[in-house]
PDB file of N, CA and C in Angstrom:
ATOM      1  N   MET A   1      59.784  -1.032 148.190  1.00  0.00           N
ATOM      2  CA  MET A   1      60.832  -0.400 147.425  1.00  0.00           C
ATOM      3  C   MET A   1      61.563   0.646 148.268  1.00  0.00           C
ATOM      4  N   GLU A   2      60.799   1.483 148.962  1.00  0.00           N
ATOM      5  CA  GLU A   2      61.441   2.541 149.742  1.00  0.00           C
ATOM      6  C   GLU A   2      62.267   1.986 150.901  1.00  0.00           C
ATOM      7  N   ASN A   3      61.839   0.853 151.469  1.00  0.00           N
ATOM      8  CA  ASN A   3      62.637   0.225 152.525  1.00  0.00           C
ATOM      9  C   ASN A   3      63.981  -0.234 151.989  1.00  0.00           C
ATOM     10  N   GLN A   4      63.983  -0.739 150.767  1.00  0.00           N
ATOM     11  CA  GLN A   4      65.241  -1.160 150.139  1.00  0.00           C
ATOM     12  C   GLN A   4      66.156   0.036 149.914  1.00  0.00           C
ATOM     13  N   VAL A   5      65.581   1.149 149.506  1.00  0.00           N
ATOM     14  CA  VAL A   5      66.373   2.359 149.286  1.00  0.00           C
ATOM     15  C   VAL A   5      66.940   2.854 150.615  1.00  0.00           C
ATOM     16  N   LEU A   6      66.141   2.827 151.674  1.00  0.00           N
ATOM     17  CA  LEU A   6      66.641   3.218 152.988  1.00  0.00           C
ATOM     18  C   LEU A   6      67.790   2.323 153.434  1.00  0.00           C
ATOM     19  N   GLN A   7      67.633   1.032 153.247  1.00  0.00           N
ATOM     20  CA  GLN A   7      68.693   0.103 153.620  1.00  0.00           C
ATOM     21  C   GLN A   7      69.954   0.360 152.802  1.00  0.00           C
ATOM     22  N   ARG A   8      69.780   0.606 151.520  1.00  0.00           N
ATOM     23  CA  ARG A   8      70.923   0.890 150.645  1.00  0.00           C
ATOM     24  C   ARG A   8      71.623   2.181 151.073  1.00  0.00           C
ATOM     25  N   LEU A   9      70.865   3.209 151.400  1.00  0.00           N
ATOM     26  CA  LEU A   9      71.466   4.459 151.868  1.00  0.00           C
ATOM     27  C   LEU A   9      72.201   4.241 153.192  1.00  0.00           C
ATOM     28  N   ASP A  10      71.617   3.487 154.099  1.00  0.00           N
ATOM     29  CA  ASP A  10      72.284   3.178 155.370  1.00  0.00           C
ATOM     30  C   ASP A  10      73.601   2.446 155.127  1.00  0.00           C
ATOM     31  N   GLN A  11      73.581   1.487 154.204  1.00  0.00           N
ATOM     32  CA  GLN A  11      74.796   0.745 153.877  1.00  0.00           C
ATOM     33  C   GLN A  11      75.861   1.660 153.275  1.00  0.00           C
ATOM     34  N   MET A  12      75.430   2.539 152.367  1.00  0.00           N
ATOM     35  CA  MET A  12      76.364   3.491 151.758  1.00  0.00           C
ATOM     36  C   MET A  12      77.011   4.362 152.830  1.00  0.00           C
ATOM     37  N   ILE A  13      76.186   4.912 153.698  1.00  0.00           N
ATOM     38  CA  ILE A  13      76.682   5.817 154.726  1.00  0.00           C
ATOM     39  C   ILE A  13      77.678   5.101 155.629  1.00  0.00           C
ATOM     40  N   MET A  14      77.340   3.909 156.089  1.00  0.00           N
ATOM     41  CA  MET A  14      78.233   3.164 156.974  1.00  0.00           C
ATOM     42  C   MET A  14      79.534   2.810 156.257  1.00  0.00           C
ATOM     43  N   LYS A  15      79.419   2.350 155.029  1.00  0.00           N
ATOM     44  CA  LYS A  15      80.602   1.962 154.247  1.00  0.00           C
ATOM     45  C   LYS A  15      81.549   3.147 154.097  1.00  0.00           C
ATOM     46  N   HIS A  16      81.007   4.303 153.764  1.00  0.00           N
ATOM     47  CA  HIS A  16      81.857   5.461 153.533  1.00  0.00           C
ATOM     48  C   HIS A  16      82.423   6.034 154.823  1.00  0.00           C
ATOM     49  N   GLU A  17      81.660   5.944 155.897  1.00  0.00           N
ATOM     50  CA  GLU A  17      82.206   6.381 157.185  1.00  0.00           C
ATOM     51  C   GLU A  17      83.407   5.524 157.567  1.00  0.00           C
ATOM     52  N   LEU A  18      83.316   4.222 157.323  1.00  0.00           N
ATOM     53  CA  LEU A  18      84.433   3.329 157.621  1.00  0.00           C
ATOM     54  C   LEU A  18      85.630   3.625 156.716  1.00  0.00           C
ATOM     55  N   LEU A  19      85.378   3.836 155.440  1.00  0.00           N
ATOM     56  CA  LEU A  19      86.467   4.144 154.511  1.00  0.00           C
ATOM     57  C   LEU A  19      87.144   5.462 154.871  1.00  0.00           C
ATOM     58  N   LEU A  20      86.355   6.453 155.252  1.00  0.00           N
ATOM     59  CA  LEU A  20      86.924   7.742 155.633  1.00  0.00           C
ATOM     60  C   LEU A  20      87.728   7.633 156.926  1.00  0.00           C
ATOM     61  N   ALA A  21      87.250   6.839 157.859  1.00  0.00           N
ATOM     62  CA  ALA A  21      87.978   6.642 159.106  1.00  0.00           C
ATOM     63  C   ALA A  21      89.294   5.915 158.852  1.00  0.00           C
ATOM     64  N   LYS A  22      89.266   5.019 157.904  1.00  0.00           N
ATOM     65  CA  LYS A  22      90.462   4.235 157.560  1.00  0.00           C
ATOM     66  C   LYS A  22      91.521   5.092 156.859  1.00  0.00           C
ATOM     67  N   ALA A  23      91.092   6.051 156.074  1.00  0.00           N
ATOM     68  CA  ALA A  23      92.006   6.944 155.364  1.00  0.00           C
ATOM     69  C   ALA A  23      92.475   8.019 156.327  1.00  0.00           C
ATOM     70  N   ARG A  24      93.571   7.778 156.961  1.00  0.00           N
ATOM     71  CA  ARG A  24      94.082   8.694 157.989  1.00  0.00           C
ATOM     72  C   ARG A  24      95.117   9.621 157.371  1.00  0.00           C
ATOM     73  N   VAL A  25      94.616  10.679 156.804  1.00  0.00           N
ATOM     74  CA  VAL A  25      95.475  11.665 156.166  1.00  0.00           C
ATOM     75  C   VAL A  25      95.533  12.887 157.071  1.00  0.00           C
ATOM     76  N   ARG A  26      96.716  13.413 157.266  1.00  0.00           N
ATOM     77  CA  ARG A  26      96.831  14.622 158.087  1.00  0.00           C
ATOM     78  C   ARG A  26      96.036  15.744 157.440  1.00  0.00           C
ATOM     79  N   ARG A  27      95.331  16.480 158.245  1.00  0.00           N
ATOM     80  CA  ARG A  27      94.443  17.523 157.739  1.00  0.00           C
ATOM     81  C   ARG A  27      95.162  18.548 156.874  1.00  0.00           C
ATOM     82  N   GLY A  28      96.385  18.875 157.194  1.00  0.00           N
ATOM     83  CA  GLY A  28      97.116  19.866 156.422  1.00  0.00           C
ATOM     84  C   GLY A  28      97.430  19.423 155.010  1.00  0.00           C
ATOM     85  N   LEU A  29      97.388  18.124 154.767  1.00  0.00           N
ATOM     86  CA  LEU A  29      97.707  17.590 153.443  1.00  0.00           C
ATOM     87  C   LEU A  29      96.508  17.539 152.507  1.00  0.00           C
ATOM     88  N   VAL A  30      95.314  17.575 153.061  1.00  0.00           N
ATOM     89  CA  VAL A  30      94.100  17.449 152.254  1.00  0.00           C
ATOM     90  C   VAL A  30      93.661  18.842 151.783  1.00  0.00           C
ATOM     91  N   PRO A  31      93.526  19.008 150.461  1.00  0.00           N
ATOM     92  CA  PRO A  31      93.055  20.307 149.964  1.00  0.00           C
ATOM     93  C   PRO A  31      91.673  20.642 150.520  1.00  0.00           C
ATOM     94  N   ALA A  32      91.466  21.905 150.780  1.00  0.00           N
ATOM     95  CA  ALA A  32      90.191  22.358 151.349  1.00  0.00           C
ATOM     96  C   ALA A  32      89.018  21.988 150.442  1.00  0.00           C
ATOM     97  N   ALA A  33      89.237  22.064 149.134  1.00  0.00           N
ATOM     98  CA  ALA A  33      88.154  21.740 148.193  1.00  0.00           C
ATOM     99  C   ALA A  33      87.739  20.271 148.317  1.00  0.00           C
ATOM    100  N   LEU A  34      88.703  19.383 148.530  1.00  0.00           N
ATOM    101  CA  LEU A  34      88.384  17.959 148.680  1.00  0.00           C
ATOM    102  C   LEU A  34      87.654  17.713 149.994  1.00  0.00           C
ATOM    103  N   THR A  35      88.095  18.361 151.048  1.00  0.00           N
ATOM    104  CA  THR A  35      87.416  18.232 152.335  1.00  0.00           C
ATOM    105  C   THR A  35      85.967  18.721 152.225  1.00  0.00           C
ATOM    106  N   ALA A  36      85.779  19.850 151.560  1.00  0.00           N
ATOM    107  CA  ALA A  36      84.428  20.402 151.382  1.00  0.00           C
ATOM    108  C   ALA A  36      83.571  19.466 150.533  1.00  0.00           C
ATOM    109  N   GLN A  37      84.154  18.907 149.473  1.00  0.00           N
ATOM    110  CA  GLN A  37      83.413  17.996 148.600  1.00  0.00           C
ATOM    111  C   GLN A  37      82.945  16.772 149.375  1.00  0.00           C
ATOM    112  N   ILE A  38      83.825  16.196 150.166  1.00  0.00           N
ATOM    113  CA  ILE A  38      83.465  15.014 150.960  1.00  0.00           C
ATOM    114  C   ILE A  38      82.377  15.364 151.966  1.00  0.00           C
ATOM    115  N   GLY A  39      82.512  16.502 152.613  1.00  0.00           N
ATOM    116  CA  GLY A  39      81.492  16.927 153.576  1.00  0.00           C
ATOM    117  C   GLY A  39      80.132  17.108 152.932  1.00  0.00           C
ATOM    118  N   CYS A  40      80.115  17.713 151.759  1.00  0.00           N
ATOM    119  CA  CYS A  40      78.844  17.920 151.047  1.00  0.00           C
ATOM    120  C   CYS A  40      78.217  16.601 150.614  1.00  0.00           C
ATOM    121  N   LEU A  41      79.042  15.692 150.114  1.00  0.00           N
ATOM    122  CA  LEU A  41      78.526  14.391 149.670  1.00  0.00           C
ATOM    123  C   LEU A  41      77.966  13.599 150.846  1.00  0.00           C
ATOM    124  N   GLU A  42      78.672  13.621 151.957  1.00  0.00           N
ATOM    125  CA  GLU A  42      78.165  12.923 153.150  1.00  0.00           C
ATOM    126  C   GLU A  42      76.842  13.533 153.613  1.00  0.00           C
ATOM    127  N   ALA A  43      76.809  14.855 153.695  1.00  0.00           N
ATOM    128  CA  ALA A  43      75.581  15.531 154.117  1.00  0.00           C
ATOM    129  C   ALA A  43      74.446  15.227 153.145  1.00  0.00           C
ATOM    130  N   GLY A  44      74.759  15.157 151.871  1.00  0.00           N
ATOM    131  CA  GLY A  44      73.747  14.854 150.869  1.00  0.00           C
ATOM    132  C   GLY A  44      73.157  13.465 151.044  1.00  0.00           C
ATOM    133  N   LEU A  45      74.010  12.472 151.326  1.00  0.00           N
ATOM    134  CA  LEU A  45      73.503  11.113 151.549  1.00  0.00           C
ATOM    135  C   LEU A  45      72.589  11.067 152.770  1.00  0.00           C
ATOM    136  N   TYR A  46      72.975  11.756 153.836  1.00  0.00           N
ATOM    137  CA  TYR A  46      72.116  11.809 155.025  1.00  0.00           C
ATOM    138  C   TYR A  46      70.790  12.493 154.693  1.00  0.00           C
ATOM    139  N   ALA A  47      70.850  13.559 153.917  1.00  0.00           N
ATOM    140  CA  ALA A  47      69.624  14.281 153.551  1.00  0.00           C
ATOM    141  C   ALA A  47      68.711  13.413 152.687  1.00  0.00           C
ATOM    142  N   LEU A  48      69.296  12.670 151.758  1.00  0.00           N
ATOM    143  CA  LEU A  48      68.492  11.770 150.923  1.00  0.00           C
ATOM    144  C   LEU A  48      67.792  10.730 151.796  1.00  0.00           C
ATOM    145  N   ARG A  49      68.525  10.189 152.746  1.00  0.00           N
ATOM    146  CA  ARG A  49      67.947   9.188 153.631  1.00  0.00           C
ATOM    147  C   ARG A  49      66.787   9.791 154.429  1.00  0.00           C
ATOM    148  N   GLU A  50      66.999  10.971 154.971  1.00  0.00           N
ATOM    149  CA  GLU A  50      65.939  11.622 155.738  1.00  0.00           C
ATOM    150  C   GLU A  50      64.740  11.961 154.857  1.00  0.00           C
ATOM    151  N   GLY A  51      65.004  12.319 153.608  1.00  0.00           N
ATOM    152  CA  GLY A  51      63.916  12.625 152.684  1.00  0.00           C
ATOM    153  C   GLY A  51      63.029  11.421 152.426  1.00  0.00           C
ATOM    154  N   VAL A  52      63.633  10.281 152.164  1.00  0.00           N
ATOM    155  CA  VAL A  52      62.858   9.053 151.939  1.00  0.00           C
ATOM    156  C   VAL A  52      62.074   8.712 153.193  1.00  0.00           C
ATOM    157  N   HIS A  53      62.749   8.800 154.337  1.00  0.00           N
ATOM    158  CA  HIS A  53      62.074   8.477 155.597  1.00  0.00           C
ATOM    159  C   HIS A  53      60.895   9.417 155.835  1.00  0.00           C
ATOM    160  N   GLY A  54      61.078  10.696 155.558  1.00  0.00           N
ATOM    161  CA  GLY A  54      60.004  11.674 155.755  1.00  0.00           C
ATOM    162  C   GLY A  54      58.803  11.402 154.866  1.00  0.00           C
ATOM    163  N   PHE A  55      59.063  11.076 153.603  1.00  0.00           N
ATOM    164  CA  PHE A  55      57.952  10.774 152.696  1.00  0.00           C
ATOM    165  C   PHE A  55      57.232   9.498 153.119  1.00  0.00           C
ATOM    166  N   MET A  56      57.989   8.517 153.613  1.00  0.00           N
ATOM    167  CA  MET A  56      57.342   7.294 154.085  1.00  0.00           C
ATOM    168  C   MET A  56      56.425   7.597 155.268  1.00  0.00           C
ATOM    169  N   LYS A  57      56.890   8.434 156.186  1.00  0.00           N
ATOM    170  CA  LYS A  57      56.068   8.805 157.339  1.00  0.00           C
ATOM    171  C   LYS A  57      54.828   9.567 156.893  1.00  0.00           C
ATOM    172  N   ALA A  58      54.988  10.474 155.935  1.00  0.00           N
ATOM    173  CA  ALA A  58      53.849  11.253 155.438  1.00  0.00           C
ATOM    174  C   ALA A  58      52.803  10.330 154.817  1.00  0.00           C
ATOM    175  N   ARG A  59      53.270   9.351 154.067  1.00  0.00           N
ATOM    176  CA  ARG A  59      52.335   8.405 153.454  1.00  0.00           C
ATOM    177  C   ARG A  59      51.636   7.575 154.524  1.00  0.00           C
ATOM    178  N   GLU A  60      52.367   7.168 155.562  1.00  0.00           N
ATOM    179  CA  GLU A  60      51.766   6.410 156.660  1.00  0.00           C
ATOM    180  C   GLU A  60      50.689   7.220 157.370  1.00  0.00           C
ATOM    181  N   CYS A  61      50.853   8.533 157.378  1.00  0.00           N
ATOM    182  CA  CYS A  61      49.873   9.422 158.017  1.00  0.00           C
ATOM    183  C   CYS A  61      48.675   9.701 157.120  1.00  0.00           C
ATOM    184  N   GLY A  62      48.687   9.141 155.927  1.00  0.00           N
ATOM    185  CA  GLY A  62      47.537   9.263 155.054  1.00  0.00           C
ATOM    186  C   GLY A  62      47.602  10.370 154.024  1.00  0.00           C
ATOM    187  N   LEU A  63      48.733  11.048 153.925  1.00  0.00           N
ATOM    188  CA  LEU A  63      48.848  12.091 152.908  1.00  0.00           C
ATOM    189  C   LEU A  63      48.939  11.443 151.524  1.00  0.00           C
ATOM    190  N   PRO A  64      48.171  11.951 150.582  1.00  0.00           N
ATOM    191  CA  PRO A  64      48.210  11.369 149.233  1.00  0.00           C
ATOM    192  C   PRO A  64      49.489  11.813 148.508  1.00  0.00           C
ATOM    193  N   LEU A  65      50.370  10.887 148.296  1.00  0.00           N
ATOM    194  CA  LEU A  65      51.633  11.194 147.621  1.00  0.00           C
ATOM    195  C   LEU A  65      51.599  10.581 146.224  1.00  0.00           C
ATOM    196  N   GLU A  66      51.451  11.436 145.243  1.00  0.00           N
ATOM    197  CA  GLU A  66      51.412  10.968 143.864  1.00  0.00           C
ATOM    198  C   GLU A  66      52.831  10.731 143.376  1.00  0.00           C
ATOM    199  N   ASN A  67      53.004   9.726 142.571  1.00  0.00           N
ATOM    200  CA  ASN A  67      54.290   9.405 141.949  1.00  0.00           C
ATOM    201  C   ASN A  67      55.400   9.149 142.967  1.00  0.00           C
ATOM    202  N   PHE A  68      55.040   8.622 144.133  1.00  0.00           N
ATOM    203  CA  PHE A  68      56.038   8.373 145.172  1.00  0.00           C
ATOM    204  C   PHE A  68      57.080   7.366 144.703  1.00  0.00           C
ATOM    205  N   ASP A  69      56.648   6.317 144.022  1.00  0.00           N
ATOM    206  CA  ASP A  69      57.594   5.300 143.546  1.00  0.00           C
ATOM    207  C   ASP A  69      58.582   5.897 142.555  1.00  0.00           C
ATOM    208  N   GLY A  70      58.102   6.796 141.707  1.00  0.00           N
ATOM    209  CA  GLY A  70      58.990   7.469 140.759  1.00  0.00           C
ATOM    210  C   GLY A  70      60.003   8.340 141.474  1.00  0.00           C
ATOM    211  N   TYR A  71      59.561   8.994 142.529  1.00  0.00           N
ATOM    212  CA  TYR A  71      60.454   9.821 143.334  1.00  0.00           C
ATOM    213  C   TYR A  71      61.541   8.954 143.963  1.00  0.00           C
ATOM    214  N   VAL A  72      61.150   7.815 144.528  1.00  0.00           N
ATOM    215  CA  VAL A  72      62.109   6.930 145.190  1.00  0.00           C
ATOM    216  C   VAL A  72      63.116   6.386 144.180  1.00  0.00           C
ATOM    217  N   ALA A  73      62.655   6.017 143.001  1.00  0.00           N
ATOM    218  CA  ALA A  73      63.571   5.517 141.971  1.00  0.00           C
ATOM    219  C   ALA A  73      64.552   6.609 141.554  1.00  0.00           C
ATOM    220  N   SER A  74      64.069   7.821 141.405  1.00  0.00           N
ATOM    221  CA  SER A  74      64.931   8.945 141.056  1.00  0.00           C
ATOM    222  C   SER A  74      65.947   9.200 142.160  1.00  0.00           C
ATOM    223  N   LEU A  75      65.488   9.147 143.383  1.00  0.00           N
ATOM    224  CA  LEU A  75      66.359   9.356 144.523  1.00  0.00           C
ATOM    225  C   LEU A  75      67.452   8.293 144.590  1.00  0.00           C
ATOM    226  N   GLU A  76      67.098   7.083 144.247  1.00  0.00           N
ATOM    227  CA  GLU A  76      68.077   5.992 144.245  1.00  0.00           C
ATOM    228  C   GLU A  76      69.169   6.271 143.210  1.00  0.00           C
ATOM    229  N   ASN A  77      68.792   6.786 142.057  1.00  0.00           N
ATOM    230  CA  ASN A  77      69.784   7.139 141.035  1.00  0.00           C
ATOM    231  C   ASN A  77      70.706   8.247 141.530  1.00  0.00           C
ATOM    232  N   VAL A  78      70.143   9.235 142.197  1.00  0.00           N
ATOM    233  CA  VAL A  78      70.943  10.330 142.753  1.00  0.00           C
ATOM    234  C   VAL A  78      71.910   9.785 143.799  1.00  0.00           C
ATOM    235  N   ALA A  79      71.441   8.897 144.645  1.00  0.00           N
ATOM    236  CA  ALA A  79      72.286   8.305 145.681  1.00  0.00           C
ATOM    237  C   ALA A  79      73.434   7.520 145.057  1.00  0.00           C
ATOM    238  N   ASN A  80      73.160   6.802 143.994  1.00  0.00           N
ATOM    239  CA  ASN A  80      74.213   6.048 143.319  1.00  0.00           C
ATOM    240  C   ASN A  80      75.279   6.977 142.747  1.00  0.00           C
ATOM    241  N   GLU A  81      74.868   8.090 142.173  1.00  0.00           N
ATOM    242  CA  GLU A  81      75.820   9.068 141.645  1.00  0.00           C
ATOM    243  C   GLU A  81      76.629   9.701 142.783  1.00  0.00           C
ATOM    244  N   ALA A  82      75.964   9.991 143.890  1.00  0.00           N
ATOM    245  CA  ALA A  82      76.666  10.560 145.048  1.00  0.00           C
ATOM    246  C   ALA A  82      77.681   9.568 145.590  1.00  0.00           C
ATOM    247  N   GLU A  83      77.312   8.299 145.622  1.00  0.00           N
ATOM    248  CA  GLU A  83      78.235   7.276 146.102  1.00  0.00           C
ATOM    249  C   GLU A  83      79.458   7.195 145.193  1.00  0.00           C
ATOM    250  N   LYS A  84      79.224   7.237 143.906  1.00  0.00           N
ATOM    251  CA  LYS A  84      80.331   7.193 142.946  1.00  0.00           C
ATOM    252  C   LYS A  84      81.289   8.370 143.171  1.00  0.00           C
ATOM    253  N   SER A  85      80.737   9.553 143.349  1.00  0.00           N
ATOM    254  CA  SER A  85      81.559  10.735 143.593  1.00  0.00           C
ATOM    255  C   SER A  85      82.318  10.629 144.912  1.00  0.00           C
ATOM    256  N   LEU A  86      81.654  10.092 145.933  1.00  0.00           N
ATOM    257  CA  LEU A  86      82.300   9.950 147.232  1.00  0.00           C
ATOM    258  C   LEU A  86      83.437   8.935 147.169  1.00  0.00           C
ATOM    259  N   LEU A  87      83.232   7.847 146.451  1.00  0.00           N
ATOM    260  CA  LEU A  87      84.304   6.856 146.295  1.00  0.00           C
ATOM    261  C   LEU A  87      85.503   7.455 145.560  1.00  0.00           C
ATOM    262  N   GLU A  88      85.232   8.290 144.566  1.00  0.00           N
ATOM    263  CA  GLU A  88      86.322   8.958 143.855  1.00  0.00           C
ATOM    264  C   GLU A  88      87.080   9.902 144.787  1.00  0.00           C
ATOM    265  N   ALA A  89      86.363  10.618 145.637  1.00  0.00           N
ATOM    266  CA  ALA A  89      86.995  11.523 146.588  1.00  0.00           C
ATOM    267  C   ALA A  89      87.829  10.747 147.609  1.00  0.00           C
ATOM    268  N   ILE A  90      87.313   9.617 148.063  1.00  0.00           N
ATOM    269  CA  ILE A  90      88.053   8.785 149.019  1.00  0.00           C
ATOM    270  C   ILE A  90      89.306   8.229 148.352  1.00  0.00           C
ATOM    271  N   ALA A  91      89.230   7.872 147.086  1.00  0.00           N
ATOM    272  CA  ALA A  91      90.409   7.403 146.355  1.00  0.00           C
ATOM    273  C   ALA A  91      91.472   8.505 146.305  1.00  0.00           C
ATOM    274  N   LYS A  92      91.050   9.747 146.142  1.00  0.00           N
ATOM    275  CA  LYS A  92      92.003  10.869 146.159  1.00  0.00           C
ATOM    276  C   LYS A  92      92.662  10.985 147.520  1.00  0.00           C
ATOM    277  N   LEU A  93      91.895  10.764 148.593  1.00  0.00           N
ATOM    278  CA  LEU A  93      92.468  10.778 149.939  1.00  0.00           C
ATOM    279  C   LEU A  93      93.524   9.700 150.081  1.00  0.00           C
ATOM    280  N   GLU A  94      93.239   8.523 149.551  1.00  0.00           N
ATOM    281  CA  GLU A  94      94.176   7.418 149.644  1.00  0.00           C
ATOM    282  C   GLU A  94      95.472   7.720 148.901  1.00  0.00           C
ATOM    283  N   VAL A  95      95.369   8.400 147.770  1.00  0.00           N
ATOM    284  CA  VAL A  95      96.566   8.807 147.018  1.00  0.00           C
ATOM    285  C   VAL A  95      97.383   9.797 147.849  1.00  0.00           C
ATOM    286  N   ILE A  96      96.699  10.748 148.466  1.00  0.00           N
ATOM    287  CA  ILE A  96      97.382  11.731 149.313  1.00  0.00           C
ATOM    288  C   ILE A  96      98.076  11.027 150.471  1.00  0.00           C
ATOM    289  N   GLU A  97      97.383  10.032 151.049  1.00  0.00           N
ATOM    290  CA  GLU A  97      97.938   9.287 152.178  1.00  0.00           C
ATOM    291  C   GLU A  97      99.221   8.551 151.767  1.00  0.00           C
ATOM    292  N   LYS A  98      99.212   7.944 150.582  1.00  0.00           N
ATOM    293  CA  LYS A  98     100.391   7.218 150.099  1.00  0.00           C
ATOM    294  C   LYS A  98     101.553   8.151 149.804  1.00  0.00           C
ATOM    295  N   ASN A  99     101.229   9.318 149.255  1.00  0.00           N
ATOM    296  CA  ASN A  99     102.281  10.271 148.882  1.00  0.00           C
ATOM    297  C   ASN A  99     102.733  11.159 150.025  1.00  0.00           C
ATOM    298  N   GLY A 100     101.898  11.249 151.064  1.00  0.00           N
ATOM    299  CA  GLY A 100     102.169  12.178 152.168  1.00  0.00           C
ATOM    300  C   GLY A 100     103.091  11.598 153.150  1.00  0.00           C
TER     301      GLY A 100
END
């Protein structure tokens, strides 16, 4: 299960990096709040990925992790919400790009 979540997070991160690279909006046109929101969401996805990876390593080292599957399922829900928010932010960038 956790490997699937890691793969899904990797896919999300790559997909959004490509979408952000494709949205070529001049920096002066993007509101600071939107730039900050995108930065936080990206950092959050990376942190979620590192968190899952860290717990997997801890379990491999023999640490007893109770409710690990529940944690991973919860994390997957958080990642899905973060992805939704990031897609909405990227859509705002695209609107700015069209109007700018």
